PDB file of all heavy atoms in Angstrom:
ATOM      1  N   ARG A   1       0.833  -1.218   0.012  1.00  0.00           N
ATOM      2  CA  ARG A   1      -0.005  -0.006  -0.007  1.00  0.00           C
ATOM      3  C   ARG A   1       0.843   1.250  -0.003  1.00  0.00           C
ATOM      4  O   ARG A   1       0.549   2.222  -0.716  1.00  0.00           O
ATOM      5  CB  ARG A   1      -0.943  -0.008   1.194  1.00  0.00           C
ATOM      6  CG  ARG A   1      -2.172  -0.853   0.936  1.00  0.00           C
ATOM      7  CD  ARG A   1      -3.175  -0.756   2.037  1.00  0.00           C
ATOM      8  NE  ARG A   1      -2.918  -1.915   2.908  1.00  0.00           N
ATOM      9  CZ  ARG A   1      -2.897  -1.894   4.222  1.00  0.00           C
ATOM     10  NH1 ARG A   1      -3.131  -0.798   4.890  1.00  0.00           N
ATOM     11  NH2 ARG A   1      -2.629  -2.993   4.909  1.00  0.00           N
ATOM     12  N   LEU A   2       1.936   1.253   0.763  1.00  0.00           N
ATOM     13  CA  LEU A   2       2.830   2.407   0.781  1.00  0.00           C
ATOM     14  C   LEU A   2       3.473   2.632  -0.599  1.00  0.00           C
ATOM     15  O   LEU A   2       3.596   3.788  -1.039  1.00  0.00           O
ATOM     16  CB  LEU A   2       3.903   2.229   1.852  1.00  0.00           C
ATOM     17  CG  LEU A   2       3.433   2.357   3.314  1.00  0.00           C
ATOM     18  CD1 LEU A   2       4.559   1.896   4.231  1.00  0.00           C
ATOM     19  CD2 LEU A   2       3.016   3.771   3.634  1.00  0.00           C
ATOM     20  N   ALA A   3       3.907   1.575  -1.221  1.00  0.00           N
ATOM     21  CA  ALA A   3       4.537   1.689  -2.539  1.00  0.00           C
ATOM     22  C   ALA A   3       3.546   2.176  -3.592  1.00  0.00           C
ATOM     23  O   ALA A   3       3.893   3.030  -4.429  1.00  0.00           O
ATOM     24  CB  ALA A   3       5.153   0.357  -2.954  1.00  0.00           C
ATOM     25  N   VAL A   4       2.332   1.654  -3.575  1.00  0.00           N
ATOM     26  CA  VAL A   4       1.308   2.102  -4.521  1.00  0.00           C
ATOM     27  C   VAL A   4       1.028   3.566  -4.303  1.00  0.00           C
ATOM     28  O   VAL A   4       0.899   4.346  -5.287  1.00  0.00           O
ATOM     29  CB  VAL A   4       0.033   1.230  -4.420  1.00  0.00           C
ATOM     30  CG1 VAL A   4      -1.119   1.883  -5.142  1.00  0.00           C
ATOM     31  CG2 VAL A   4       0.287  -0.148  -4.937  1.00  0.00           C
ATOM     32  N   ASP A   5       0.890   3.979  -3.061  1.00  0.00           N
ATOM     33  CA  ASP A   5       0.621   5.407  -2.770  1.00  0.00           C
ATOM     34  C   ASP A   5       1.748   6.286  -3.261  1.00  0.00           C
ATOM     35  O   ASP A   5       1.529   7.349  -3.821  1.00  0.00           O
ATOM     36  CB  ASP A   5       0.432   5.626  -1.264  1.00  0.00           C
ATOM     37  CG  ASP A   5      -0.896   5.056  -0.761  1.00  0.00           C
ATOM     38  OD1 ASP A   5      -1.764   4.699  -1.578  1.00  0.00           O
ATOM     39  OD2 ASP A   5      -1.017   4.940   0.489  1.00  0.00           O
ATOM     40  N   ARG A   6       2.975   5.828  -3.092  1.00  0.00           N
ATOM     41  CA  ARG A   6       4.147   6.625  -3.529  1.00  0.00           C
ATOM     42  C   ARG A   6       4.184   6.705  -5.045  1.00  0.00           C
ATOM     43  O   ARG A   6       4.477   7.749  -5.594  1.00  0.00           O
ATOM     44  CB  ARG A   6       5.436   5.974  -3.012  1.00  0.00           C
ATOM     45  CG  ARG A   6       6.672   6.814  -3.354  1.00  0.00           C
ATOM     46  CD  ARG A   6       7.867   6.196  -2.757  1.00  0.00           C
ATOM     47  NE  ARG A   6       7.911   6.464  -1.313  1.00  0.00           N
ATOM     48  CZ  ARG A   6       8.901   7.157  -0.714  1.00  0.00           C
ATOM     49  NH1 ARG A   6       9.881   7.598  -1.425  1.00  0.00           N
ATOM     50  NH2 ARG A   6       8.866   7.338   0.585  1.00  0.00           N
ATOM     51  N   ARG A   7       3.847   5.610  -5.715  1.00  0.00           N
ATOM     52  CA  ARG A   7       3.819   5.615  -7.179  1.00  0.00           C
ATOM     53  C   ARG A   7       2.740   6.576  -7.683  1.00  0.00           C
ATOM     54  O   ARG A   7       2.955   7.356  -8.631  1.00  0.00           O
ATOM     55  CB  ARG A   7       3.562   4.205  -7.731  1.00  0.00           C
ATOM     56  CG  ARG A   7       3.678   4.122  -9.232  1.00  0.00           C
ATOM     57  CD  ARG A   7       3.483   2.742  -9.726  1.00  0.00           C
ATOM     58  NE  ARG A   7       2.080   2.371  -9.444  1.00  0.00           N
ATOM     59  CZ  ARG A   7       1.560   1.188  -9.536  1.00  0.00           C
ATOM     60  NH1 ARG A   7       2.335   0.178  -9.904  1.00  0.00           N
ATOM     61  NH2 ARG A   7       0.291   0.944  -9.276  1.00  0.00           N
ATOM     62  N   LYS A   8       1.551   6.571  -7.081  1.00  0.00           N
ATOM     63  CA  LYS A   8       0.477   7.457  -7.483  1.00  0.00           C
ATOM     64  C   LYS A   8       0.882   8.902  -7.276  1.00  0.00           C
ATOM     65  O   LYS A   8       0.630   9.758  -8.127  1.00  0.00           O
ATOM     66  CB  LYS A   8      -0.780   7.198  -6.660  1.00  0.00           C
ATOM     67  CG  LYS A   8      -1.492   5.933  -7.076  1.00  0.00           C
ATOM     68  CD  LYS A   8      -2.714   5.724  -6.200  1.00  0.00           C
ATOM     69  CE  LYS A   8      -3.414   4.444  -6.474  1.00  0.00           C
ATOM     70  NZ  LYS A   8      -4.564   4.214  -5.555  1.00  0.00           N
ATOM     71  N   LEU A   9       1.536   9.176  -6.165  1.00  0.00           N
ATOM     72  CA  LEU A   9       1.991  10.554  -5.878  1.00  0.00           C
ATOM     73  C   LEU A   9       2.999  11.001  -6.900  1.00  0.00           C
ATOM     74  O   LEU A   9       2.965  12.147  -7.388  1.00  0.00           O
ATOM     75  CB  LEU A   9       2.567  10.647  -4.479  1.00  0.00           C
ATOM     76  CG  LEU A   9       3.069  11.999  -4.011  1.00  0.00           C
ATOM     77  CD1 LEU A   9       1.889  12.965  -3.951  1.00  0.00           C
ATOM     78  CD2 LEU A   9       3.732  11.888  -2.640  1.00  0.00           C
ATOM     79  N   ALA A  10       3.920  10.143  -7.283  1.00  0.00           N
ATOM     80  CA  ALA A  10       4.942  10.485  -8.296  1.00  0.00           C
ATOM     81  C   ALA A  10       4.299  10.761  -9.647  1.00  0.00           C
ATOM     82  O   ALA A  10       4.700  11.700 -10.339  1.00  0.00           O
ATOM     83  CB  ALA A  10       5.952   9.373  -8.408  1.00  0.00           C
ATOM     84  N   ARG A  11       3.275  10.006 -10.012  1.00  0.00           N
ATOM     85  CA  ARG A  11       2.592  10.241 -11.245  1.00  0.00           C
ATOM     86  C   ARG A  11       1.847  11.574 -11.280  1.00  0.00           C
ATOM     87  O   ARG A  11       1.779  12.220 -12.299  1.00  0.00           O
ATOM     88  CB  ARG A  11       1.635   9.106 -11.546  1.00  0.00           C
ATOM     89  CG  ARG A  11       2.337   7.861 -11.987  1.00  0.00           C
ATOM     90  CD  ARG A  11       1.368   6.781 -12.388  1.00  0.00           C
ATOM     91  NE  ARG A  11       2.065   5.624 -12.819  1.00  0.00           N
ATOM     92  CZ  ARG A  11       1.511   4.427 -13.020  1.00  0.00           C
ATOM     93  NH1 ARG A  11       0.202   4.299 -12.806  1.00  0.00           N
ATOM     94  NH2 ARG A  11       2.220   3.428 -13.434  1.00  0.00           N
ATOM     95  N   ARG A  12       1.286  11.961 -10.146  1.00  0.00           N
ATOM     96  CA  ARG A  12       0.592  13.246 -10.068  1.00  0.00           C
ATOM     97  C   ARG A  12       1.551  14.426 -10.180  1.00  0.00           C
ATOM     98  O   ARG A  12       1.207  15.472 -10.646  1.00  0.00           O
ATOM     99  CB  ARG A  12      -0.174  13.372  -8.751  1.00  0.00           C
ATOM    100  CG  ARG A  12      -1.503  12.677  -8.813  1.00  0.00           C
ATOM    101  CD  ARG A  12      -2.316  12.994  -7.573  1.00  0.00           C
ATOM    102  NE  ARG A  12      -2.663  11.717  -6.974  1.00  0.00           N
ATOM    103  CZ  ARG A  12      -2.560  11.412  -5.712  1.00  0.00           C
ATOM    104  NH1 ARG A  12      -2.164  12.282  -4.838  1.00  0.00           N
ATOM    105  NH2 ARG A  12      -2.920  10.233  -5.271  1.00  0.00           N
ATOM    106  N   ARG A  13       2.780  14.232  -9.749  1.00  0.00           N
ATOM    107  CA  ARG A  13       3.794  15.331  -9.780  1.00  0.00           C
ATOM    108  C   ARG A  13       4.326  15.532 -11.214  1.00  0.00           C
ATOM    109  O   ARG A  13       4.807  16.588 -11.499  1.00  0.00           O
ATOM    110  CB  ARG A  13       4.943  14.997  -8.863  1.00  0.00           C
ATOM    111  CG  ARG A  13       4.556  15.121  -7.401  1.00  0.00           C
ATOM    112  CD  ARG A  13       5.747  14.841  -6.568  1.00  0.00           C
ATOM    113  NE  ARG A  13       5.393  14.976  -5.151  1.00  0.00           N
ATOM    114  CZ  ARG A  13       6.108  14.532  -4.165  1.00  0.00           C
ATOM    115  NH1 ARG A  13       7.234  13.872  -4.419  1.00  0.00           N
ATOM    116  NH2 ARG A  13       5.697  14.683  -2.909  1.00  0.00           N
ATOM    117  N   LEU A  14       4.271  14.507 -12.049  1.00  0.00           N
ATOM    118  CA  LEU A  14       4.802  14.652 -13.419  1.00  0.00           C
ATOM    119  C   LEU A  14       3.782  15.357 -14.270  1.00  0.00           C
ATOM    120  O   LEU A  14       2.620  14.973 -14.316  1.00  0.00           O
ATOM    121  CB  LEU A  14       5.091  13.284 -14.020  1.00  0.00           C
ATOM    122  CG  LEU A  14       6.255  12.501 -13.380  1.00  0.00           C
ATOM    123  CD1 LEU A  14       6.354  11.116 -14.017  1.00  0.00           C
ATOM    124  CD2 LEU A  14       7.563  13.238 -13.586  1.00  0.00           C
ATOM    125  N   PRO A  15       4.207  16.364 -15.000  1.00  0.00           N
ATOM    126  CA  PRO A  15       3.272  17.073 -15.881  1.00  0.00           C
ATOM    127  C   PRO A  15       2.940  16.169 -17.074  1.00  0.00           C
ATOM    128  O   PRO A  15       3.760  15.329 -17.484  1.00  0.00           O
ATOM    129  CB  PRO A  15       3.996  18.299 -16.315  1.00  0.00           C
ATOM    130  CG  PRO A  15       5.472  17.934 -16.204  1.00  0.00           C
ATOM    131  CD  PRO A  15       5.530  16.953 -15.040  1.00  0.00           C
ATOM    132  N   HIS A  16       1.764  16.340 -17.609  1.00  0.00           N
ATOM    133  CA  HIS A  16       1.394  15.603 -18.842  1.00  0.00           C
ATOM    134  C   HIS A  16       2.130  16.286 -19.991  1.00  0.00           C
ATOM    135  O   HIS A  16       1.894  17.439 -20.303  1.00  0.00           O
ATOM    136  CB  HIS A  16      -0.100  15.643 -19.062  1.00  0.00           C
ATOM    137  CG  HIS A  16      -0.516  14.920 -20.319  1.00  0.00           C
ATOM    138  ND1 HIS A  16      -0.387  13.553 -20.440  1.00  0.00           N
ATOM    139  CD2 HIS A  16      -0.995  15.376 -21.469  1.00  0.00           C
ATOM    140  CE1 HIS A  16      -0.781  13.198 -21.614  1.00  0.00           C
ATOM    141  NE2 HIS A  16      -1.179  14.266 -22.267  1.00  0.00           N
ATOM    142  N   LEU A  17       3.017  15.564 -20.669  1.00  0.00           N
ATOM    143  CA  LEU A  17       3.861  16.154 -21.694  1.00  0.00           C
ATOM    144  C   LEU A  17       3.211  16.122 -23.062  1.00  0.00           C
ATOM    145  O   LEU A  17       3.419  17.067 -23.853  1.00  0.00           O
ATOM    146  CB  LEU A  17       5.211  15.393 -21.753  1.00  0.00           C
ATOM    147  CG  LEU A  17       6.052  15.523 -20.508  1.00  0.00           C
ATOM    148  CD1 LEU A  17       7.282  14.666 -20.626  1.00  0.00           C
ATOM    149  CD2 LEU A  17       6.410  16.952 -20.188  1.00  0.00           C
ATOM    150  N   GLY A  18       2.491  15.122 -23.426  1.00  0.00           N
ATOM    151  CA  GLY A  18       1.897  15.029 -24.746  1.00  0.00           C
ATOM    152  C   GLY A  18       2.883  14.568 -25.805  1.00  0.00           C
ATOM    153  O   GLY A  18       4.093  14.491 -25.579  1.00  0.00           O
ATOM    154  N   GLU A  19       2.380  14.257 -26.975  1.00  0.00           N
ATOM    155  CA  GLU A  19       3.182  13.713 -28.048  1.00  0.00           C
ATOM    156  C   GLU A  19       4.274  14.668 -28.512  1.00  0.00           C
ATOM    157  O   GLU A  19       5.413  14.276 -28.759  1.00  0.00           O
ATOM    158  CB  GLU A  19       2.321  13.292 -29.217  1.00  0.00           C
ATOM    159  CG  GLU A  19       1.429  12.093 -28.980  1.00  0.00           C
ATOM    160  CD  GLU A  19       2.259  10.846 -28.754  1.00  0.00           C
ATOM    161  OE1 GLU A  19       3.263  10.639 -29.481  1.00  0.00           O
ATOM    162  OE2 GLU A  19       1.888  10.028 -27.896  1.00  0.00           O
ATOM    163  N   ASP A  20       3.927  15.940 -28.668  1.00  0.00           N
ATOM    164  CA  ASP A  20       4.858  16.937 -29.186  1.00  0.00           C
ATOM    165  C   ASP A  20       6.060  17.076 -28.247  1.00  0.00           C
ATOM    166  O   ASP A  20       7.203  17.070 -28.695  1.00  0.00           O
ATOM    167  CB  ASP A  20       4.160  18.260 -29.417  1.00  0.00           C
ATOM    168  CG  ASP A  20       5.106  19.290 -30.070  1.00  0.00           C
ATOM    169  OD1 ASP A  20       5.736  18.945 -31.074  1.00  0.00           O
ATOM    170  OD2 ASP A  20       5.164  20.421 -29.539  1.00  0.00           O
ATOM    171  N   ALA A  21       5.783  17.223 -26.990  1.00  0.00           N
ATOM    172  CA  ALA A  21       6.854  17.355 -26.014  1.00  0.00           C
ATOM    173  C   ALA A  21       7.713  16.118 -25.943  1.00  0.00           C
ATOM    174  O   ALA A  21       8.938  16.191 -25.798  1.00  0.00           O
ATOM    175  CB  ALA A  21       6.279  17.706 -24.666  1.00  0.00           C
ATOM    176  N   LEU A  22       7.099  14.955 -26.051  1.00  0.00           N
ATOM    177  CA  LEU A  22       7.869  13.696 -26.023  1.00  0.00           C
ATOM    178  C   LEU A  22       8.808  13.611 -27.220  1.00  0.00           C
ATOM    179  O   LEU A  22       9.953  13.162 -27.064  1.00  0.00           O
ATOM    180  CB  LEU A  22       6.923  12.490 -25.968  1.00  0.00           C
ATOM    181  CG  LEU A  22       6.156  12.338 -24.674  1.00  0.00           C
ATOM    182  CD1 LEU A  22       5.172  11.176 -24.780  1.00  0.00           C
ATOM    183  CD2 LEU A  22       7.099  12.101 -23.492  1.00  0.00           C
ATOM    184  N   SER A  23       8.364  14.026 -28.373  1.00  0.00           N
ATOM    185  CA  SER A  23       9.262  13.981 -29.555  1.00  0.00           C
ATOM    186  C   SER A  23      10.368  14.985 -29.403  1.00  0.00           C
ATOM    187  O   SER A  23      11.508  14.731 -29.826  1.00  0.00           O
ATOM    188  CB  SER A  23       8.457  14.231 -30.836  1.00  0.00           C
ATOM    189  OG  SER A  23       7.934  15.519 -30.843  1.00  0.00           O
ATOM    190  N   ARG A  24      10.114  16.109 -28.780  1.00  0.00           N
ATOM    191  CA  ARG A  24      11.191  17.097 -28.541  1.00  0.00           C
ATOM    192  C   ARG A  24      12.175  16.591 -27.511  1.00  0.00           C
ATOM    193  O   ARG A  24      13.364  16.857 -27.604  1.00  0.00           O
ATOM    194  CB  ARG A  24      10.594  18.450 -28.112  1.00  0.00           C
ATOM    195  CG  ARG A  24       9.966  19.203 -29.250  1.00  0.00           C
ATOM    196  CD  ARG A  24       9.541  20.576 -28.817  1.00  0.00           C
ATOM    197  NE  ARG A  24       8.341  20.414 -27.985  1.00  0.00           N
ATOM    198  CZ  ARG A  24       7.941  21.317 -27.084  1.00  0.00           C
ATOM    199  NH1 ARG A  24       8.627  22.382 -26.878  1.00  0.00           N
ATOM    200  NH2 ARG A  24       6.853  21.089 -26.365  1.00  0.00           N
TER     201      ARG A  24
END
């Protein structure tokens, strides 16, 4: 449960980059 919570928190902190930003 602690690991899942940490993973969820890390995903919320990352901005959504989108296809254009990923290619850049």
